[in-house]
Amino acid sequence: MSRLVIFSLLVLAGCSEAYTSKIDSRTYAIEGPGVPGGSSGPNQREAQRLCPKGFRVLNEEVHRNTTDRANDENGMYTNWTVRCL
C-alpha cells in the first residue's frame, strides 16, 4: 500500500513541472503546466535551471483550457520562449 502512495505522489509531482524544448543553442521553449490563476512560477524555475547566468523572455503566451484540454481543470497555461544571457 505504501508503494502505491509513493508512486502516486511522484506522478502528481511530475504534473506540476514545465516542459522544455530547445530551439537553438541559447533559446528554449518552455510549456508551463496548468495552474489556477496562470502563475508563471514553474516557467521561471525551469528558465533559471536552464540559464543560470540569467535569461530574457522573448515571448509569453497565456491561454485557458482549449477543446483538446477540455477535461483538464487546472486553469491557465503559460508558455515562454526564453534566451539565455
N, C-alpha and C. Protein backbone atom coordinates (compact mmCIF):
# COMPACT_ATOMS: atom_id res chain seq x y z
N MET A 1 0.82 -1.19 0.00
CA MET A 1 0.00 0.00 0.00
C MET A 1 0.87 1.26 0.00
N SER A 2 1.94 1.26 0.80
CA SER A 2 2.80 2.45 0.87
C SER A 2 3.49 2.70 -0.46
N ARG A 3 3.80 1.64 -1.21
CA ARG A 3 4.41 1.82 -2.54
C ARG A 3 3.45 2.54 -3.48
N LEU A 4 2.19 2.23 -3.39
CA LEU A 4 1.19 2.88 -4.23
C LEU A 4 1.08 4.36 -3.90
N VAL A 5 1.12 4.69 -2.62
CA VAL A 5 1.05 6.09 -2.21
C VAL A 5 2.27 6.86 -2.70
N ILE A 6 3.45 6.28 -2.55
CA ILE A 6 4.68 6.94 -3.00
C ILE A 6 4.65 7.13 -4.51
N PHE A 7 4.24 6.11 -5.24
CA PHE A 7 4.15 6.21 -6.70
C PHE A 7 3.16 7.31 -7.11
N SER A 8 2.03 7.38 -6.44
CA SER A 8 1.02 8.41 -6.76
C SER A 8 1.57 9.80 -6.52
N LEU A 9 2.31 9.99 -5.44
CA LEU A 9 2.90 11.30 -5.15
C LEU A 9 3.93 11.68 -6.21
N LEU A 10 4.72 10.73 -6.67
CA LEU A 10 5.70 11.01 -7.72
C LEU A 10 5.03 11.40 -9.02
N VAL A 11 3.96 10.72 -9.36
CA VAL A 11 3.23 11.04 -10.59
C VAL A 11 2.62 12.43 -10.50
N LEU A 12 2.02 12.76 -9.37
CA LEU A 12 1.42 14.09 -9.21
C LEU A 12 2.47 15.18 -9.19
N ALA A 13 3.62 14.94 -8.62
CA ALA A 13 4.69 15.94 -8.60
C ALA A 13 5.18 16.22 -10.02
N GLY A 14 5.21 15.21 -10.86
CA GLY A 14 5.62 15.39 -12.24
C GLY A 14 4.65 16.21 -13.05
N CYS A 15 3.40 16.28 -12.64
CA CYS A 15 2.40 17.04 -13.37
C CYS A 15 2.55 18.54 -13.19
N SER A 16 3.28 18.98 -12.20
CA SER A 16 3.44 20.41 -11.96
C SER A 16 4.73 20.96 -12.54
N GLU A 17 5.42 20.18 -13.35
CA GLU A 17 6.67 20.61 -13.95
C GLU A 17 6.43 21.25 -15.31
N ALA A 18 7.33 22.15 -15.67
CA ALA A 18 7.30 22.75 -17.00
C ALA A 18 8.08 21.85 -17.96
N TYR A 19 7.69 21.84 -19.23
CA TYR A 19 8.35 21.04 -20.25
C TYR A 19 9.15 21.97 -21.15
N THR A 20 10.36 21.56 -21.50
CA THR A 20 11.27 22.39 -22.27
C THR A 20 11.63 21.72 -23.58
N SER A 21 11.72 22.52 -24.63
CA SER A 21 12.28 22.06 -25.89
C SER A 21 13.27 23.11 -26.38
N LYS A 22 14.37 22.62 -26.93
CA LYS A 22 15.45 23.50 -27.37
C LYS A 22 15.19 23.98 -28.79
N ILE A 23 15.28 25.30 -28.99
CA ILE A 23 15.08 25.87 -30.32
C ILE A 23 16.42 26.05 -31.03
N ASP A 24 17.39 26.68 -30.35
CA ASP A 24 18.75 26.75 -30.84
C ASP A 24 19.69 26.72 -29.64
N SER A 25 20.95 27.11 -29.82
CA SER A 25 21.94 26.93 -28.76
C SER A 25 21.62 27.67 -27.47
N ARG A 26 20.93 28.81 -27.53
CA ARG A 26 20.63 29.57 -26.32
C ARG A 26 19.15 29.88 -26.16
N THR A 27 18.29 29.35 -27.01
CA THR A 27 16.87 29.67 -26.98
C THR A 27 16.06 28.41 -26.69
N TYR A 28 15.11 28.55 -25.76
CA TYR A 28 14.28 27.42 -25.33
C TYR A 28 12.81 27.80 -25.33
N ALA A 29 11.96 26.83 -25.63
CA ALA A 29 10.51 26.99 -25.48
C ALA A 29 10.11 26.23 -24.22
N ILE A 30 9.42 26.92 -23.32
CA ILE A 30 9.00 26.32 -22.05
C ILE A 30 7.48 26.31 -22.01
N GLU A 31 6.91 25.12 -21.85
CA GLU A 31 5.46 24.98 -21.72
C GLU A 31 5.14 24.72 -20.26
N GLY A 32 4.47 25.67 -19.64
CA GLY A 32 4.13 25.54 -18.22
C GLY A 32 2.93 24.65 -18.02
N PRO A 33 2.82 24.05 -16.84
CA PRO A 33 1.67 23.23 -16.52
C PRO A 33 0.44 24.10 -16.28
N GLY A 34 -0.73 23.51 -16.31
CA GLY A 34 -1.94 24.24 -15.99
C GLY A 34 -1.95 24.62 -14.52
N VAL A 35 -2.07 25.91 -14.24
CA VAL A 35 -2.02 26.40 -12.87
C VAL A 35 -3.20 27.34 -12.65
N PRO A 36 -3.96 27.17 -11.58
CA PRO A 36 -5.04 28.11 -11.30
C PRO A 36 -4.48 29.52 -11.15
N GLY A 37 -5.07 30.46 -11.84
CA GLY A 37 -4.60 31.84 -11.78
C GLY A 37 -3.51 32.16 -12.78
N GLY A 38 -2.98 31.15 -13.48
CA GLY A 38 -1.99 31.39 -14.52
C GLY A 38 -0.61 31.75 -14.01
N SER A 39 -0.18 31.21 -12.90
CA SER A 39 1.15 31.51 -12.36
C SER A 39 2.24 31.08 -13.33
N SER A 40 3.28 31.89 -13.44
CA SER A 40 4.41 31.54 -14.29
C SER A 40 5.59 31.03 -13.47
N GLY A 41 5.36 30.67 -12.21
CA GLY A 41 6.41 30.16 -11.33
C GLY A 41 7.14 28.94 -11.88
N PRO A 42 6.42 27.91 -12.37
CA PRO A 42 7.13 26.75 -12.94
C PRO A 42 8.01 27.14 -14.12
N ASN A 43 7.56 28.09 -14.95
CA ASN A 43 8.37 28.53 -16.09
C ASN A 43 9.63 29.23 -15.61
N GLN A 44 9.49 30.06 -14.59
CA GLN A 44 10.64 30.80 -14.07
C GLN A 44 11.67 29.85 -13.46
N ARG A 45 11.22 28.86 -12.72
CA ARG A 45 12.15 27.88 -12.14
C ARG A 45 12.89 27.13 -13.24
N GLU A 46 12.17 26.72 -14.28
CA GLU A 46 12.80 25.99 -15.38
C GLU A 46 13.78 26.88 -16.13
N ALA A 47 13.43 28.14 -16.36
CA ALA A 47 14.33 29.06 -17.05
C ALA A 47 15.60 29.30 -16.24
N GLN A 48 15.47 29.42 -14.93
CA GLN A 48 16.64 29.61 -14.07
C GLN A 48 17.52 28.37 -14.06
N ARG A 49 16.92 27.21 -14.18
CA ARG A 49 17.70 25.97 -14.24
C ARG A 49 18.47 25.89 -15.55
N LEU A 50 17.82 26.27 -16.65
CA LEU A 50 18.45 26.21 -17.96
C LEU A 50 19.50 27.29 -18.16
N CYS A 51 19.26 28.46 -17.59
CA CYS A 51 20.11 29.64 -17.81
C CYS A 51 20.58 30.19 -16.46
N PRO A 52 21.57 29.59 -15.84
CA PRO A 52 21.99 30.04 -14.52
C PRO A 52 22.57 31.46 -14.50
N LYS A 53 23.04 31.97 -15.64
CA LYS A 53 23.59 33.33 -15.69
C LYS A 53 22.52 34.37 -16.01
N GLY A 54 21.29 33.94 -16.20
CA GLY A 54 20.19 34.85 -16.48
C GLY A 54 19.52 34.53 -17.80
N PHE A 55 18.33 35.09 -18.00
CA PHE A 55 17.57 34.84 -19.21
C PHE A 55 16.70 36.05 -19.51
N ARG A 56 16.21 36.09 -20.74
CA ARG A 56 15.28 37.12 -21.17
C ARG A 56 14.10 36.43 -21.83
N VAL A 57 12.90 36.83 -21.45
CA VAL A 57 11.69 36.25 -22.03
C VAL A 57 11.43 36.92 -23.38
N LEU A 58 11.48 36.15 -24.46
CA LEU A 58 11.24 36.68 -25.80
C LEU A 58 9.76 36.72 -26.14
N ASN A 59 9.02 35.72 -25.65
CA ASN A 59 7.60 35.62 -25.97
C ASN A 59 6.89 34.94 -24.81
N GLU A 60 5.70 35.42 -24.50
CA GLU A 60 4.89 34.81 -23.45
C GLU A 60 3.46 34.64 -23.97
N GLU A 61 2.95 33.42 -23.86
CA GLU A 61 1.58 33.12 -24.27
C GLU A 61 0.83 32.58 -23.05
N VAL A 62 -0.31 33.14 -22.76
CA VAL A 62 -1.16 32.67 -21.67
C VAL A 62 -2.50 32.28 -22.27
N HIS A 63 -2.93 31.07 -22.01
CA HIS A 63 -4.24 30.64 -22.53
C HIS A 63 -4.95 29.75 -21.53
N ARG A 64 -6.25 29.74 -21.65
CA ARG A 64 -7.09 28.89 -20.81
C ARG A 64 -7.26 27.54 -21.48
N ASN A 65 -8.00 26.68 -20.82
CA ASN A 65 -8.28 25.36 -21.40
C ASN A 65 -8.88 25.52 -22.79
N THR A 66 -8.44 24.68 -23.70
CA THR A 66 -9.00 24.66 -25.05
C THR A 66 -9.74 23.34 -25.23
N THR A 67 -10.25 23.11 -26.40
CA THR A 67 -11.03 21.89 -26.63
C THR A 67 -10.20 20.64 -26.44
N ASP A 68 -8.88 20.69 -26.74
CA ASP A 68 -8.06 19.50 -26.54
C ASP A 68 -7.71 19.30 -25.07
N ARG A 69 -7.94 20.29 -24.23
CA ARG A 69 -7.69 20.17 -22.80
C ARG A 69 -9.00 20.33 -22.02
N ALA A 70 -10.08 19.92 -22.61
CA ALA A 70 -11.40 20.16 -22.01
C ALA A 70 -11.56 19.47 -20.66
N ASN A 71 -10.92 18.32 -20.48
CA ASN A 71 -11.07 17.59 -19.22
C ASN A 71 -10.07 18.04 -18.16
N ASP A 72 -9.16 18.92 -18.52
CA ASP A 72 -8.15 19.38 -17.57
C ASP A 72 -8.65 20.65 -16.90
N GLU A 73 -8.82 20.59 -15.60
CA GLU A 73 -9.39 21.71 -14.86
C GLU A 73 -8.33 22.50 -14.11
N ASN A 74 -7.09 22.47 -14.59
CA ASN A 74 -6.01 23.13 -13.87
C ASN A 74 -5.94 24.62 -14.09
N GLY A 75 -6.71 25.19 -14.97
CA GLY A 75 -6.71 26.64 -15.12
C GLY A 75 -6.01 27.12 -16.36
N MET A 76 -5.06 28.04 -16.17
CA MET A 76 -4.41 28.70 -17.29
C MET A 76 -3.02 28.13 -17.52
N TYR A 77 -2.58 28.15 -18.77
CA TYR A 77 -1.28 27.64 -19.18
C TYR A 77 -0.43 28.81 -19.66
N THR A 78 0.81 28.86 -19.22
CA THR A 78 1.72 29.92 -19.62
C THR A 78 2.89 29.29 -20.35
N ASN A 79 3.12 29.72 -21.58
CA ASN A 79 4.24 29.22 -22.38
C ASN A 79 5.20 30.38 -22.64
N TRP A 80 6.48 30.12 -22.46
CA TRP A 80 7.51 31.12 -22.67
C TRP A 80 8.49 30.67 -23.74
N THR A 81 9.06 31.64 -24.43
CA THR A 81 10.26 31.44 -25.24
C THR A 81 11.33 32.30 -24.59
N VAL A 82 12.43 31.69 -24.15
CA VAL A 82 13.48 32.43 -23.45
C VAL A 82 14.81 32.28 -24.16
N ARG A 83 15.66 33.27 -23.96
CA ARG A 83 17.03 33.24 -24.48
C ARG A 83 17.98 33.44 -23.31
N CYS A 84 18.94 32.56 -23.20
CA CYS A 84 19.94 32.66 -22.13
C CYS A 84 20.88 33.81 -22.42
N LEU A 85 21.29 34.50 -21.35
CA LEU A 85 22.24 35.61 -21.49
C LEU A 85 23.67 35.09 -21.49
